[in-house]
Amino acid sequence: MRENSVFKVGAVVKSEATPNRGKVLYGPFEYGGYAIGDRQSYLVELLEGEKKGTAVHWSAWMISPAPRFEVGQKVRFQYSPEGQSYELVAGPYPTSSQDVDFWVLKDKDGVHDTAFEKHMVPVEE
């Protein structure tokens, strides 16, 4: 478990037990079914995979905040033409401004560019 991790309803999290990401629906709550010291749990809706939309029980010790983006994901960014998406190929990289990260993108022709994370929007597929 992450030390003192408390996730709010709506937070996107990932589990060490599965590659899926999920959205917290309820929690934290005490669950007595584990012998492990920490009994905090969350009800989480799966956001991807075969069981997308299913609510599952995840123990707090096995989850962490999910990154907003990941390599391989398709995105648009603020100045991209309508209907055009880019693949994230590297990142995130910090900048001198601590609250701004940037990523390397690749378009359909293989041309690379960069974009600040705050300007990117995931492409729903």
C-alpha atoms as a PDB file:
ATOM      1  CA  MET A   1       0.000   0.000   0.000  1.00  0.00           C
ATOM      2  CA  ARG A   2       1.070   3.540  -0.556  1.00  0.00           C
ATOM      3  CA  GLU A   3       1.672   5.262   2.743  1.00  0.00           C
ATOM      4  CA  ASN A   4      -1.455   7.127   3.850  1.00  0.00           C
ATOM      5  CA  SER A   5      -3.057   6.798   0.426  1.00  0.00           C
ATOM      6  CA  VAL A   6      -6.628   8.018   0.431  1.00  0.00           C
ATOM      7  CA  PHE A   7      -8.412   8.205  -2.893  1.00  0.00           C
ATOM      8  CA  LYS A   8     -11.468  10.362  -3.437  1.00  0.00           C
ATOM      9  CA  VAL A   9     -14.575   9.211  -5.270  1.00  0.00           C
ATOM     10  CA  GLY A  10     -13.922   9.759  -8.983  1.00  0.00           C
ATOM     11  CA  ALA A  11     -10.140   9.283  -8.739  1.00  0.00           C
ATOM     12  CA  VAL A  12      -8.606   7.102 -11.436  1.00  0.00           C
ATOM     13  CA  VAL A  13      -6.420   4.370  -9.945  1.00  0.00           C
ATOM     14  CA  LYS A  14      -4.476   1.332 -11.080  1.00  0.00           C
ATOM     15  CA  SER A  15      -3.964  -1.979  -9.337  1.00  0.00           C
ATOM     16  CA  GLU A  16      -0.767  -3.953  -8.945  1.00  0.00           C
ATOM     17  CA  ALA A  17      -2.855  -7.110  -9.460  1.00  0.00           C
ATOM     18  CA  THR A  18      -4.220  -6.191 -12.900  1.00  0.00           C
ATOM     19  CA  PRO A  19      -3.208  -3.956 -15.817  1.00  0.00           C
ATOM     20  CA  ASN A  20      -6.658  -2.324 -15.763  1.00  0.00           C
ATOM     21  CA  ARG A  21      -7.377   1.155 -14.532  1.00  0.00           C
ATOM     22  CA  GLY A  22     -10.472   1.942 -12.517  1.00  0.00           C
ATOM     23  CA  LYS A  23     -12.499   4.829 -11.125  1.00  0.00           C
ATOM     24  CA  VAL A  24     -13.220   4.958  -7.390  1.00  0.00           C
ATOM     25  CA  LEU A  25     -16.970   4.682  -6.798  1.00  0.00           C
ATOM     26  CA  TYR A  26     -16.923   4.391  -3.002  1.00  0.00           C
ATOM     27  CA  GLY A  27     -14.427   4.353  -0.180  1.00  0.00           C
ATOM     28  CA  PRO A  28     -12.345   4.042   1.715  1.00  0.00           C
ATOM     29  CA  PHE A  29     -14.116   1.543   3.915  1.00  0.00           C
ATOM     30  CA  GLU A  30     -12.976  -1.138   6.357  1.00  0.00           C
ATOM     31  CA  TYR A  31     -12.990  -4.642   5.047  1.00  0.00           C
ATOM     32  CA  GLY A  32     -12.195  -7.420   7.504  1.00  0.00           C
ATOM     33  CA  GLY A  33     -11.488 -10.195   5.019  1.00  0.00           C
ATOM     34  CA  TYR A  34      -7.722  -9.739   4.927  1.00  0.00           C
ATOM     35  CA  ALA A  35      -5.062 -10.721   7.440  1.00  0.00           C
ATOM     36  CA  ILE A  36      -2.797  -7.998   6.083  1.00  0.00           C
ATOM     37  CA  GLY A  37      -2.403  -5.078   8.466  1.00  0.00           C
ATOM     38  CA  ASP A  38      -4.264  -2.529   6.363  1.00  0.00           C
ATOM     39  CA  ARG A  39      -7.948  -3.241   5.813  1.00  0.00           C
ATOM     40  CA  GLN A  40      -8.904  -0.158   3.813  1.00  0.00           C
ATOM     41  CA  SER A  41     -10.728  -0.965   0.608  1.00  0.00           C
ATOM     42  CA  TYR A  42     -12.442   0.747  -2.316  1.00  0.00           C
ATOM     43  CA  LEU A  43     -15.264  -0.074  -4.686  1.00  0.00           C
ATOM     44  CA  VAL A  44     -13.828   0.587  -8.154  1.00  0.00           C
ATOM     45  CA  GLU A  45     -15.433   0.615 -11.623  1.00  0.00           C
ATOM     46  CA  LEU A  46     -13.145  -0.926 -14.258  1.00  0.00           C
ATOM     47  CA  LEU A  47     -12.454   1.528 -17.090  1.00  0.00           C
ATOM     48  CA  GLU A  48     -10.958  -0.893 -19.600  1.00  0.00           C
ATOM     49  CA  GLY A  49     -10.597  -4.531 -20.507  1.00  0.00           C
ATOM     50  CA  GLU A  50     -13.121  -7.346 -20.866  1.00  0.00           C
ATOM     51  CA  LYS A  51     -14.989  -6.372 -17.728  1.00  0.00           C
ATOM     52  CA  LYS A  52     -15.159  -2.642 -18.438  1.00  0.00           C
ATOM     53  CA  GLY A  53     -17.987  -1.057 -16.411  1.00  0.00           C
ATOM     54  CA  THR A  54     -17.927  -3.761 -13.732  1.00  0.00           C
ATOM     55  CA  ALA A  55     -17.605  -2.691 -10.087  1.00  0.00           C
ATOM     56  CA  VAL A  56     -14.904  -4.571  -8.173  1.00  0.00           C
ATOM     57  CA  HIS A  57     -13.385  -4.520  -4.697  1.00  0.00           C
ATOM     58  CA  TRP A  58      -9.746  -3.404  -4.533  1.00  0.00           C
ATOM     59  CA  SER A  59      -7.741  -3.276  -1.322  1.00  0.00           C
ATOM     60  CA  ALA A  60      -5.917  -0.018  -0.667  1.00  0.00           C
ATOM     61  CA  TRP A  61      -2.548  -1.748  -0.314  1.00  0.00           C
ATOM     62  CA  MET A  62      -2.649  -2.806  -3.976  1.00  0.00           C
ATOM     63  CA  ILE A  63      -3.671   0.470  -5.674  1.00  0.00           C
ATOM     64  CA  SER A  64      -1.974   3.712  -6.630  1.00  0.00           C
ATOM     65  CA  PRO A  65      -2.939   6.793  -8.632  1.00  0.00           C
ATOM     66  CA  ALA A  66      -3.126   6.034 -12.354  1.00  0.00           C
ATOM     67  CA  PRO A  67      -1.148   8.278 -14.648  1.00  0.00           C
ATOM     68  CA  ARG A  68      -3.339  10.506 -16.773  1.00  0.00           C
ATOM     69  CA  PHE A  69      -1.642   9.203 -19.941  1.00  0.00           C
ATOM     70  CA  GLU A  70       0.648   6.328 -20.876  1.00  0.00           C
ATOM     71  CA  VAL A  71       2.973   5.458 -23.749  1.00  0.00           C
ATOM     72  CA  GLY A  72       1.036   3.939 -26.651  1.00  0.00           C
ATOM     73  CA  GLN A  73      -2.142   5.868 -25.887  1.00  0.00           C
ATOM     74  CA  LYS A  74      -3.840   7.956 -28.606  1.00  0.00           C
ATOM     75  CA  VAL A  75      -4.411  11.634 -27.828  1.00  0.00           C
ATOM     76  CA  ARG A  76      -5.362  14.905 -29.399  1.00  0.00           C
ATOM     77  CA  PHE A  77      -3.915  18.152 -28.240  1.00  0.00           C
ATOM     78  CA  GLN A  78      -5.149  21.675 -28.196  1.00  0.00           C
ATOM     79  CA  TYR A  79      -3.888  22.645 -31.650  1.00  0.00           C
ATOM     80  CA  SER A  80      -4.374  19.373 -33.551  1.00  0.00           C
ATOM     81  CA  PRO A  81      -6.655  19.450 -36.595  1.00  0.00           C
ATOM     82  CA  GLU A  82     -10.115  17.946 -36.127  1.00  0.00           C
ATOM     83  CA  GLY A  83     -10.084  14.152 -36.418  1.00  0.00           C
ATOM     84  CA  GLN A  84      -6.312  13.881 -36.127  1.00  0.00           C
ATOM     85  CA  SER A  85      -4.807  11.911 -33.271  1.00  0.00           C
ATOM     86  CA  TYR A  86      -1.288  11.235 -32.124  1.00  0.00           C
ATOM     87  CA  GLU A  87       0.344   8.294 -30.388  1.00  0.00           C
ATOM     88  CA  LEU A  88       2.310   8.964 -27.219  1.00  0.00           C
ATOM     89  CA  VAL A  89       5.781   7.502 -27.741  1.00  0.00           C
ATOM     90  CA  ALA A  90       7.720   8.848 -24.733  1.00  0.00           C
ATOM     91  CA  GLY A  91       7.181  10.757 -21.518  1.00  0.00           C
ATOM     92  CA  PRO A  92       6.208  12.375 -19.352  1.00  0.00           C
ATOM     93  CA  TYR A  93       9.189  14.666 -18.986  1.00  0.00           C
ATOM     94  CA  PRO A  94       9.282  17.419 -16.376  1.00  0.00           C
ATOM     95  CA  THR A  95       9.949  21.026 -17.279  1.00  0.00           C
ATOM     96  CA  SER A  96      11.397  23.832 -15.208  1.00  0.00           C
ATOM     97  CA  SER A  97       7.832  24.621 -14.162  1.00  0.00           C
ATOM     98  CA  GLN A  98       7.081  21.825 -11.688  1.00  0.00           C
ATOM     99  CA  ASP A  99       3.400  21.503 -12.568  1.00  0.00           C
ATOM    100  CA  VAL A 100       3.885  21.072 -16.336  1.00  0.00           C
ATOM    101  CA  ASP A 101       5.057  17.849 -18.019  1.00  0.00           C
ATOM    102  CA  PHE A 102       5.518  17.257 -21.734  1.00  0.00           C
ATOM    103  CA  TRP A 103       5.290  14.168 -23.945  1.00  0.00           C
ATOM    104  CA  VAL A 104       6.694  13.115 -27.314  1.00  0.00           C
ATOM    105  CA  LEU A 105       3.978  12.386 -29.880  1.00  0.00           C
ATOM    106  CA  LYS A 106       3.988  10.643 -33.265  1.00  0.00           C
ATOM    107  CA  ASP A 107       1.465  11.384 -36.011  1.00  0.00           C
ATOM    108  CA  LYS A 108       0.091   8.920 -38.594  1.00  0.00           C
ATOM    109  CA  ASP A 109       3.045   9.693 -40.914  1.00  0.00           C
ATOM    110  CA  GLY A 110       5.639   8.978 -38.221  1.00  0.00           C
ATOM    111  CA  VAL A 111       6.520  12.639 -37.623  1.00  0.00           C
ATOM    112  CA  HIS A 112       7.395  13.397 -34.002  1.00  0.00           C
ATOM    113  CA  ASP A 113       6.334  16.461 -32.039  1.00  0.00           C
ATOM    114  CA  THR A 114       5.939  17.440 -28.392  1.00  0.00           C
ATOM    115  CA  ALA A 115       2.960  18.629 -26.388  1.00  0.00           C
ATOM    116  CA  PHE A 116       2.380  19.740 -22.841  1.00  0.00           C
ATOM    117  CA  GLU A 117       0.220  17.309 -20.875  1.00  0.00           C
ATOM    118  CA  LYS A 118      -2.177  20.080 -19.872  1.00  0.00           C
ATOM    119  CA  HIS A 119      -3.127  20.542 -23.566  1.00  0.00           C
ATOM    120  CA  MET A 120      -3.707  16.855 -24.314  1.00  0.00           C
ATOM    121  CA  VAL A 121      -7.034  15.032 -24.320  1.00  0.00           C
ATOM    122  CA  PRO A 122      -7.366  11.233 -24.528  1.00  0.00           C
ATOM    123  CA  VAL A 123      -8.969   9.853 -27.688  1.00  0.00           C
ATOM    124  CA  GLU A 124     -11.936   7.641 -26.881  1.00  0.00           C
ATOM    125  CA  GLU A 125     -11.756   4.479 -28.972  1.00  0.00           C
END
